[in-house]
Amino acid sequence: GHSQGEIAAAVVAGGLTIQDGARIVAL
């Protein structure tokens, strides 16, 4: 992932739930 793209990459990898990914990118 590049910058905020790492948040999406972590969700795709299974390291974050979609809920945690949303929390990180939104807040």
mmCIF file of all heavy atoms, coordinates in Angstrom:
data_MODEL
# 
_entry.id   MODEL 
# 
loop_
_atom_site.group_PDB 
_atom_site.id 
_atom_site.type_symbol 
_atom_site.label_atom_id 
_atom_site.label_alt_id 
_atom_site.label_comp_id 
_atom_site.label_asym_id 
_atom_site.label_entity_id 
_atom_site.label_seq_id 
_atom_site.pdbx_PDB_ins_code 
_atom_site.Cartn_x 
_atom_site.Cartn_y 
_atom_site.Cartn_z 
_atom_site.occupancy 
_atom_site.B_iso_or_equiv 
_atom_site.pdbx_formal_charge 
_atom_site.auth_seq_id 
_atom_site.auth_comp_id 
_atom_site.auth_asym_id 
_atom_site.auth_atom_id 
_atom_site.pdbx_PDB_model_num 
ATOM 1   N N   . GLY A 1 1  ? 0.822   -1.205  0.000  1.00 0.00 ? 1  GLY A N   1 
ATOM 2   C CA  . GLY A 1 1  ? 0.000   0.000   0.000  1.00 0.00 ? 1  GLY A CA  1 
ATOM 3   C C   . GLY A 1 1  ? 0.850   1.246   0.000  1.00 0.00 ? 1  GLY A C   1 
ATOM 4   O O   . GLY A 1 1  ? 1.942   1.262   0.575  1.00 0.00 ? 1  GLY A O   1 
ATOM 5   N N   . HIS A 1 2  ? 0.360   2.289   -0.651 1.00 0.00 ? 2  HIS A N   1 
ATOM 6   C CA  . HIS A 1 2  ? 1.062   3.570   -0.679 1.00 0.00 ? 2  HIS A CA  1 
ATOM 7   C C   . HIS A 1 2  ? 0.282   4.559   0.173  1.00 0.00 ? 2  HIS A C   1 
ATOM 8   O O   . HIS A 1 2  ? -0.846  4.914   -0.147 1.00 0.00 ? 2  HIS A O   1 
ATOM 9   C CB  . HIS A 1 2  ? 1.162   4.081   -2.119 1.00 0.00 ? 2  HIS A CB  1 
ATOM 10  C CG  . HIS A 1 2  ? 1.972   5.329   -2.276 1.00 0.00 ? 2  HIS A CG  1 
ATOM 11  N ND1 . HIS A 1 2  ? 1.531   6.569   -1.847 1.00 0.00 ? 2  HIS A ND1 1 
ATOM 12  C CD2 . HIS A 1 2  ? 3.202   5.528   -2.807 1.00 0.00 ? 2  HIS A CD2 1 
ATOM 13  C CE1 . HIS A 1 2  ? 2.452   7.465   -2.120 1.00 0.00 ? 2  HIS A CE1 1 
ATOM 14  N NE2 . HIS A 1 2  ? 3.477   6.867   -2.698 1.00 0.00 ? 2  HIS A NE2 1 
ATOM 15  N N   . SER A 1 3  ? 0.874   4.992   1.285  1.00 0.00 ? 3  SER A N   1 
ATOM 16  C CA  . SER A 1 3  ? 0.229   5.946   2.190  1.00 0.00 ? 3  SER A CA  1 
ATOM 17  C C   . SER A 1 3  ? -1.118  5.398   2.656  1.00 0.00 ? 3  SER A C   1 
ATOM 18  O O   . SER A 1 3  ? -1.181  4.320   3.221  1.00 0.00 ? 3  SER A O   1 
ATOM 19  C CB  . SER A 1 3  ? 0.102   7.308   1.501  1.00 0.00 ? 3  SER A CB  1 
ATOM 20  O OG  . SER A 1 3  ? -0.293  8.310   2.401  1.00 0.00 ? 3  SER A OG  1 
ATOM 21  N N   . GLN A 1 4  ? -2.236  6.119   2.385  1.00 0.00 ? 4  GLN A N   1 
ATOM 22  C CA  . GLN A 1 4  ? -3.531  5.625   2.846  1.00 0.00 ? 4  GLN A CA  1 
ATOM 23  C C   . GLN A 1 4  ? -3.898  4.303   2.180  1.00 0.00 ? 4  GLN A C   1 
ATOM 24  O O   . GLN A 1 4  ? -4.736  3.560   2.679  1.00 0.00 ? 4  GLN A O   1 
ATOM 25  C CB  . GLN A 1 4  ? -4.627  6.643   2.585  1.00 0.00 ? 4  GLN A CB  1 
ATOM 26  C CG  . GLN A 1 4  ? -5.002  6.776   1.117  1.00 0.00 ? 4  GLN A CG  1 
ATOM 27  C CD  . GLN A 1 4  ? -6.404  7.316   0.911  1.00 0.00 ? 4  GLN A CD  1 
ATOM 28  O OE1 . GLN A 1 4  ? -6.587  8.526   0.878  1.00 0.00 ? 4  GLN A OE1 1 
ATOM 29  N NE2 . GLN A 1 4  ? -7.353  6.439   0.766  1.00 0.00 ? 4  GLN A NE2 1 
ATOM 30  N N   . GLY A 1 5  ? -3.235  3.981   1.049  1.00 0.00 ? 5  GLY A N   1 
ATOM 31  C CA  . GLY A 1 5  ? -3.488  2.706   0.389  1.00 0.00 ? 5  GLY A CA  1 
ATOM 32  C C   . GLY A 1 5  ? -3.153  1.514   1.265  1.00 0.00 ? 5  GLY A C   1 
ATOM 33  O O   . GLY A 1 5  ? -3.653  0.405   1.046  1.00 0.00 ? 5  GLY A O   1 
ATOM 34  N N   . GLU A 1 6  ? -2.294  1.736   2.274  1.00 0.00 ? 6  GLU A N   1 
ATOM 35  C CA  . GLU A 1 6  ? -1.981  0.630   3.188  1.00 0.00 ? 6  GLU A CA  1 
ATOM 36  C C   . GLU A 1 6  ? -3.199  0.222   4.012  1.00 0.00 ? 6  GLU A C   1 
ATOM 37  O O   . GLU A 1 6  ? -3.289  -0.926  4.448  1.00 0.00 ? 6  GLU A O   1 
ATOM 38  C CB  . GLU A 1 6  ? -0.837  1.027   4.132  1.00 0.00 ? 6  GLU A CB  1 
ATOM 39  C CG  . GLU A 1 6  ? 0.530   0.948   3.484  1.00 0.00 ? 6  GLU A CG  1 
ATOM 40  C CD  . GLU A 1 6  ? 1.646   0.725   4.494  1.00 0.00 ? 6  GLU A CD  1 
ATOM 41  O OE1 . GLU A 1 6  ? 1.657   1.416   5.540  1.00 0.00 ? 6  GLU A OE1 1 
ATOM 42  O OE2 . GLU A 1 6  ? 2.504   -0.133  4.231  1.00 0.00 ? 6  GLU A OE2 1 
ATOM 43  N N   . ILE A 1 7  ? -4.129  1.142   4.226  1.00 0.00 ? 7  ILE A N   1 
ATOM 44  C CA  . ILE A 1 7  ? -5.337  0.794   4.976  1.00 0.00 ? 7  ILE A CA  1 
ATOM 45  C C   . ILE A 1 7  ? -6.157  -0.213  4.172  1.00 0.00 ? 7  ILE A C   1 
ATOM 46  O O   . ILE A 1 7  ? -6.647  -1.221  4.709  1.00 0.00 ? 7  ILE A O   1 
ATOM 47  C CB  . ILE A 1 7  ? -6.182  2.042   5.305  1.00 0.00 ? 7  ILE A CB  1 
ATOM 48  C CG1 . ILE A 1 7  ? -5.326  3.107   5.997  1.00 0.00 ? 7  ILE A CG1 1 
ATOM 49  C CG2 . ILE A 1 7  ? -7.374  1.668   6.177  1.00 0.00 ? 7  ILE A CG2 1 
ATOM 50  C CD1 . ILE A 1 7  ? -6.029  4.446   6.197  1.00 0.00 ? 7  ILE A CD1 1 
ATOM 51  N N   . ALA A 1 8  ? -6.295  0.048   2.875  1.00 0.00 ? 8  ALA A N   1 
ATOM 52  C CA  . ALA A 1 8  ? -7.001  -0.895  2.006  1.00 0.00 ? 8  ALA A CA  1 
ATOM 53  C C   . ALA A 1 8  ? -6.223  -2.195  1.887  1.00 0.00 ? 8  ALA A C   1 
ATOM 54  O O   . ALA A 1 8  ? -6.808  -3.294  1.929  1.00 0.00 ? 8  ALA A O   1 
ATOM 55  C CB  . ALA A 1 8  ? -7.219  -0.271  0.627  1.00 0.00 ? 8  ALA A CB  1 
ATOM 56  N N   . ALA A 1 9  ? -4.906  -2.110  1.735  1.00 0.00 ? 9  ALA A N   1 
ATOM 57  C CA  . ALA A 1 9  ? -4.074  -3.306  1.610  1.00 0.00 ? 9  ALA A CA  1 
ATOM 58  C C   . ALA A 1 9  ? -4.204  -4.199  2.843  1.00 0.00 ? 9  ALA A C   1 
ATOM 59  O O   . ALA A 1 9  ? -4.247  -5.433  2.731  1.00 0.00 ? 9  ALA A O   1 
ATOM 60  C CB  . ALA A 1 9  ? -2.619  -2.916  1.394  1.00 0.00 ? 9  ALA A CB  1 
ATOM 61  N N   . ALA A 1 10 ? -4.288  -3.584  4.023  1.00 0.00 ? 10 ALA A N   1 
ATOM 62  C CA  . ALA A 1 10 ? -4.421  -4.360  5.261  1.00 0.00 ? 10 ALA A CA  1 
ATOM 63  C C   . ALA A 1 10 ? -5.754  -5.088  5.318  1.00 0.00 ? 10 ALA A C   1 
ATOM 64  O O   . ALA A 1 10 ? -5.840  -6.223  5.803  1.00 0.00 ? 10 ALA A O   1 
ATOM 65  C CB  . ALA A 1 10 ? -4.275  -3.439  6.469  1.00 0.00 ? 10 ALA A CB  1 
ATOM 66  N N   . VAL A 1 11 ? -6.818  -4.454  4.810  1.00 0.00 ? 11 VAL A N   1 
ATOM 67  C CA  . VAL A 1 11 ? -8.132  -5.113  4.756  1.00 0.00 ? 11 VAL A CA  1 
ATOM 68  C C   . VAL A 1 11 ? -8.090  -6.281  3.776  1.00 0.00 ? 11 VAL A C   1 
ATOM 69  O O   . VAL A 1 11 ? -8.565  -7.382  4.069  1.00 0.00 ? 11 VAL A O   1 
ATOM 70  C CB  . VAL A 1 11 ? -9.232  -4.106  4.354  1.00 0.00 ? 11 VAL A CB  1 
ATOM 71  C CG1 . VAL A 1 11 ? -10.561 -4.818  4.107  1.00 0.00 ? 11 VAL A CG1 1 
ATOM 72  C CG2 . VAL A 1 11 ? -9.397  -3.041  5.427  1.00 0.00 ? 11 VAL A CG2 1 
ATOM 73  N N   . VAL A 1 12 ? -7.510  -6.047  2.603  1.00 0.00 ? 12 VAL A N   1 
ATOM 74  C CA  . VAL A 1 12 ? -7.415  -7.100  1.589  1.00 0.00 ? 12 VAL A CA  1 
ATOM 75  C C   . VAL A 1 12 ? -6.587  -8.276  2.105  1.00 0.00 ? 12 VAL A C   1 
ATOM 76  O O   . VAL A 1 12 ? -6.915  -9.442  1.853  1.00 0.00 ? 12 VAL A O   1 
ATOM 77  C CB  . VAL A 1 12 ? -6.799  -6.540  0.289  1.00 0.00 ? 12 VAL A CB  1 
ATOM 78  C CG1 . VAL A 1 12 ? -6.526  -7.659  -0.715 1.00 0.00 ? 12 VAL A CG1 1 
ATOM 79  C CG2 . VAL A 1 12 ? -7.732  -5.501  -0.323 1.00 0.00 ? 12 VAL A CG2 1 
ATOM 80  N N   . ALA A 1 13 ? -5.533  -7.987  2.864  1.00 0.00 ? 13 ALA A N   1 
ATOM 81  C CA  . ALA A 1 13 ? -4.678  -9.045  3.409  1.00 0.00 ? 13 ALA A CA  1 
ATOM 82  C C   . ALA A 1 13 ? -5.350  -9.834  4.524  1.00 0.00 ? 13 ALA A C   1 
ATOM 83  O O   . ALA A 1 13 ? -4.898  -10.923 4.873  1.00 0.00 ? 13 ALA A O   1 
ATOM 84  C CB  . ALA A 1 13 ? -3.376  -8.445  3.926  1.00 0.00 ? 13 ALA A CB  1 
ATOM 85  N N   . GLY A 1 14 ? -6.433  -9.274  5.087  1.00 0.00 ? 14 GLY A N   1 
ATOM 86  C CA  . GLY A 1 14 ? -7.092  -9.933  6.208  1.00 0.00 ? 14 GLY A CA  1 
ATOM 87  C C   . GLY A 1 14 ? -6.565  -9.481  7.550  1.00 0.00 ? 14 GLY A C   1 
ATOM 88  O O   . GLY A 1 14 ? -6.932  -10.025 8.591  1.00 0.00 ? 14 GLY A O   1 
ATOM 89  N N   . GLY A 1 15 ? -5.711  -8.454  7.551  1.00 0.00 ? 15 GLY A N   1 
ATOM 90  C CA  . GLY A 1 15 ? -5.143  -7.963  8.804  1.00 0.00 ? 15 GLY A CA  1 
ATOM 91  C C   . GLY A 1 15 ? -6.045  -7.015  9.556  1.00 0.00 ? 15 GLY A C   1 
ATOM 92  O O   . GLY A 1 15 ? -5.886  -6.812  10.762 1.00 0.00 ? 15 GLY A O   1 
ATOM 93  N N   . LEU A 1 16 ? -7.008  -6.402  8.850  1.00 0.00 ? 16 LEU A N   1 
ATOM 94  C CA  . LEU A 1 16 ? -8.000  -5.526  9.463  1.00 0.00 ? 16 LEU A CA  1 
ATOM 95  C C   . LEU A 1 16 ? -9.377  -5.942  8.991  1.00 0.00 ? 16 LEU A C   1 
ATOM 96  O O   . LEU A 1 16 ? -9.547  -6.355  7.840  1.00 0.00 ? 16 LEU A O   1 
ATOM 97  C CB  . LEU A 1 16 ? -7.771  -4.067  9.053  1.00 0.00 ? 16 LEU A CB  1 
ATOM 98  C CG  . LEU A 1 16 ? -6.529  -3.323  9.530  1.00 0.00 ? 16 LEU A CG  1 
ATOM 99  C CD1 . LEU A 1 16 ? -6.505  -1.921  8.917  1.00 0.00 ? 16 LEU A CD1 1 
ATOM 100 C CD2 . LEU A 1 16 ? -6.478  -3.225  11.050 1.00 0.00 ? 16 LEU A CD2 1 
ATOM 101 N N   . THR A 1 17 ? -10.372 -5.817  9.856  1.00 0.00 ? 17 THR A N   1 
ATOM 102 C CA  . THR A 1 17 ? -11.747 -5.981  9.411  1.00 0.00 ? 17 THR A CA  1 
ATOM 103 C C   . THR A 1 17 ? -12.123 -4.760  8.584  1.00 0.00 ? 17 THR A C   1 
ATOM 104 O O   . THR A 1 17 ? -11.469 -3.717  8.657  1.00 0.00 ? 17 THR A O   1 
ATOM 105 C CB  . THR A 1 17 ? -12.708 -6.093  10.596 1.00 0.00 ? 17 THR A CB  1 
ATOM 106 O OG1 . THR A 1 17 ? -12.675 -4.851  11.339 1.00 0.00 ? 17 THR A OG1 1 
ATOM 107 C CG2 . THR A 1 17 ? -12.326 -7.244  11.518 1.00 0.00 ? 17 THR A CG2 1 
ATOM 108 N N   . ILE A 1 18 ? -13.171 -4.878  7.809  1.00 0.00 ? 18 ILE A N   1 
ATOM 109 C CA  . ILE A 1 18 ? -13.611 -3.733  7.012  1.00 0.00 ? 18 ILE A CA  1 
ATOM 110 C C   . ILE A 1 18 ? -14.072 -2.603  7.932  1.00 0.00 ? 18 ILE A C   1 
ATOM 111 O O   . ILE A 1 18 ? -13.937 -1.426  7.605  1.00 0.00 ? 18 ILE A O   1 
ATOM 112 C CB  . ILE A 1 18 ? -14.718 -4.160  6.027  1.00 0.00 ? 18 ILE A CB  1 
ATOM 113 C CG1 . ILE A 1 18 ? -14.854 -3.129  4.906  1.00 0.00 ? 18 ILE A CG1 1 
ATOM 114 C CG2 . ILE A 1 18 ? -16.034 -4.405  6.742  1.00 0.00 ? 18 ILE A CG2 1 
ATOM 115 C CD1 . ILE A 1 18 ? -15.700 -3.613  3.750  1.00 0.00 ? 18 ILE A CD1 1 
ATOM 116 N N   . GLN A 1 19 ? -14.566 -2.964  9.123  1.00 0.00 ? 19 GLN A N   1 
ATOM 117 C CA  . GLN A 1 19 ? -14.990 -1.952  10.098 1.00 0.00 ? 19 GLN A CA  1 
ATOM 118 C C   . GLN A 1 19 ? -13.790 -1.179  10.638 1.00 0.00 ? 19 GLN A C   1 
ATOM 119 O O   . GLN A 1 19 ? -13.833 0.055   10.761 1.00 0.00 ? 19 GLN A O   1 
ATOM 120 C CB  . GLN A 1 19 ? -15.765 -2.610  11.247 1.00 0.00 ? 19 GLN A CB  1 
ATOM 121 C CG  . GLN A 1 19 ? -17.130 -3.161  10.866 1.00 0.00 ? 19 GLN A CG  1 
ATOM 122 C CD  . GLN A 1 19 ? -17.060 -4.476  10.117 1.00 0.00 ? 19 GLN A CD  1 
ATOM 123 O OE1 . GLN A 1 19 ? -16.040 -5.185  10.173 1.00 0.00 ? 19 GLN A OE1 1 
ATOM 124 N NE2 . GLN A 1 19 ? -18.131 -4.822  9.426  1.00 0.00 ? 19 GLN A NE2 1 
ATOM 125 N N   . ASP A 1 20 ? -12.701 -1.884  10.950 1.00 0.00 ? 20 ASP A N   1 
ATOM 126 C CA  . ASP A 1 20 ? -11.513 -1.192  11.442 1.00 0.00 ? 20 ASP A CA  1 
ATOM 127 C C   . ASP A 1 20 ? -10.871 -0.352  10.336 1.00 0.00 ? 20 ASP A C   1 
ATOM 128 O O   . ASP A 1 20 ? -10.358 0.745   10.588 1.00 0.00 ? 20 ASP A O   1 
ATOM 129 C CB  . ASP A 1 20 ? -10.496 -2.197  11.990 1.00 0.00 ? 20 ASP A CB  1 
ATOM 130 C CG  . ASP A 1 20 ? -10.706 -2.490  13.469 1.00 0.00 ? 20 ASP A CG  1 
ATOM 131 O OD1 . ASP A 1 20 ? -11.457 -1.732  14.118 1.00 0.00 ? 20 ASP A OD1 1 
ATOM 132 O OD2 . ASP A 1 20 ? -10.111 -3.457  13.973 1.00 0.00 ? 20 ASP A OD2 1 
ATOM 133 N N   . GLY A 1 21 ? -10.900 -0.861  9.108  1.00 0.00 ? 21 GLY A N   1 
ATOM 134 C CA  . GLY A 1 21 ? -10.374 -0.076  7.996  1.00 0.00 ? 21 GLY A CA  1 
ATOM 135 C C   . GLY A 1 21 ? -11.138 1.226   7.827  1.00 0.00 ? 21 GLY A C   1 
ATOM 136 O O   . GLY A 1 21 ? -10.548 2.287   7.623  1.00 0.00 ? 21 GLY A O   1 
ATOM 137 N N   . ALA A 1 22 ? -12.468 1.136   7.941  1.00 0.00 ? 22 ALA A N   1 
ATOM 138 C CA  . ALA A 1 22 ? -13.315 2.331   7.834  1.00 0.00 ? 22 ALA A CA  1 
ATOM 139 C C   . ALA A 1 22 ? -13.030 3.305   8.966  1.00 0.00 ? 22 ALA A C   1 
ATOM 140 O O   . ALA A 1 22 ? -12.956 4.527   8.757  1.00 0.00 ? 22 ALA A O   1 
ATOM 141 C CB  . ALA A 1 22 ? -14.783 1.926   7.841  1.00 0.00 ? 22 ALA A CB  1 
ATOM 142 N N   . ARG A 1 23 ? -12.861 2.792   10.177 1.00 0.00 ? 23 ARG A N   1 
ATOM 143 C CA  . ARG A 1 23 ? -12.565 3.646   11.331 1.00 0.00 ? 23 ARG A CA  1 
ATOM 144 C C   . ARG A 1 23 ? -11.263 4.415   11.107 1.00 0.00 ? 23 ARG A C   1 
ATOM 145 O O   . ARG A 1 23 ? -11.203 5.635   11.311 1.00 0.00 ? 23 ARG A O   1 
ATOM 146 C CB  . ARG A 1 23 ? -12.441 2.786   12.601 1.00 0.00 ? 23 ARG A CB  1 
ATOM 147 C CG  . ARG A 1 23 ? -11.985 3.569   13.841 1.00 0.00 ? 23 ARG A CG  1 
ATOM 148 C CD  . ARG A 1 23 ? -11.672 2.630   14.991 1.00 0.00 ? 23 ARG A CD  1 
ATOM 149 N NE  . ARG A 1 23 ? -12.857 1.958   15.440 1.00 0.00 ? 23 ARG A NE  1 
ATOM 150 C CZ  . ARG A 1 23 ? -13.708 2.437   16.362 1.00 0.00 ? 23 ARG A CZ  1 
ATOM 151 N NH1 . ARG A 1 23 ? -13.450 3.615   16.927 1.00 0.00 ? 23 ARG A NH1 1 
ATOM 152 N NH2 . ARG A 1 23 ? -14.765 1.764   16.720 1.00 0.00 ? 23 ARG A NH2 1 
ATOM 153 N N   . ILE A 1 24 ? -10.222 3.719   10.661 1.00 0.00 ? 24 ILE A N   1 
ATOM 154 C CA  . ILE A 1 24 ? -8.923  4.358   10.488 1.00 0.00 ? 24 ILE A CA  1 
ATOM 155 C C   . ILE A 1 24 ? -8.975  5.440   9.420  1.00 0.00 ? 24 ILE A C   1 
ATOM 156 O O   . ILE A 1 24 ? -8.551  6.581   9.642  1.00 0.00 ? 24 ILE A O   1 
ATOM 157 C CB  . ILE A 1 24 ? -7.851  3.309   10.123 1.00 0.00 ? 24 ILE A CB  1 
ATOM 158 C CG1 . ILE A 1 24 ? -7.644  2.332   11.289 1.00 0.00 ? 24 ILE A CG1 1 
ATOM 159 C CG2 . ILE A 1 24 ? -6.529  3.995   9.767  1.00 0.00 ? 24 ILE A CG2 1 
ATOM 160 C CD1 . ILE A 1 24 ? -6.871  1.087   10.909 1.00 0.00 ? 24 ILE A CD1 1 
ATOM 161 N N   . VAL A 1 25 ? -9.528  5.094   8.243  1.00 0.00 ? 25 VAL A N   1 
ATOM 162 C CA  . VAL A 1 25 ? -9.493  6.056   7.142  1.00 0.00 ? 25 VAL A CA  1 
ATOM 163 C C   . VAL A 1 25 ? -10.411 7.248   7.401  1.00 0.00 ? 25 VAL A C   1 
ATOM 164 O O   . VAL A 1 25 ? -10.086 8.381   7.039  1.00 0.00 ? 25 VAL A O   1 
ATOM 165 C CB  . VAL A 1 25 ? -9.846  5.363   5.801  1.00 0.00 ? 25 VAL A CB  1 
ATOM 166 C CG1 . VAL A 1 25 ? -11.322 5.029   5.703  1.00 0.00 ? 25 VAL A CG1 1 
ATOM 167 C CG2 . VAL A 1 25 ? -9.411  6.231   4.632  1.00 0.00 ? 25 VAL A CG2 1 
ATOM 168 N N   . ALA A 1 26 ? -11.551 7.015   8.066  1.00 0.00 ? 26 ALA A N   1 
ATOM 169 C CA  . ALA A 1 26 ? -12.484 8.113   8.318  1.00 0.00 ? 26 ALA A CA  1 
ATOM 170 C C   . ALA A 1 26 ? -11.977 9.052   9.403  1.00 0.00 ? 26 ALA A C   1 
ATOM 171 O O   . ALA A 1 26 ? -11.954 10.279  9.219  1.00 0.00 ? 26 ALA A O   1 
ATOM 172 C CB  . ALA A 1 26 ? -13.852 7.553   8.703  1.00 0.00 ? 26 ALA A CB  1 
ATOM 173 N N   . LEU A 1 27 ? -11.555 8.506   10.538 1.00 0.00 ? 27 LEU A N   1 
ATOM 174 C CA  . LEU A 1 27 ? -11.133 9.351   11.649 1.00 0.00 ? 27 LEU A CA  1 
ATOM 175 C C   . LEU A 1 27 ? -9.795  10.029  11.373 1.00 0.00 ? 27 LEU A C   1 
ATOM 176 O O   . LEU A 1 27 ? -9.580  11.179  11.762 1.00 0.00 ? 27 LEU A O   1 
ATOM 177 C CB  . LEU A 1 27 ? -11.063 8.522   12.932 1.00 0.00 ? 27 LEU A CB  1 
ATOM 178 C CG  . LEU A 1 27 ? -12.411 7.960   13.420 1.00 0.00 ? 27 LEU A CG  1 
ATOM 179 C CD1 . LEU A 1 27 ? -12.236 7.182   14.726 1.00 0.00 ? 27 LEU A CD1 1 
ATOM 180 C CD2 . LEU A 1 27 ? -13.431 9.081   13.605 1.00 0.00 ? 27 LEU A CD2 1 
# 
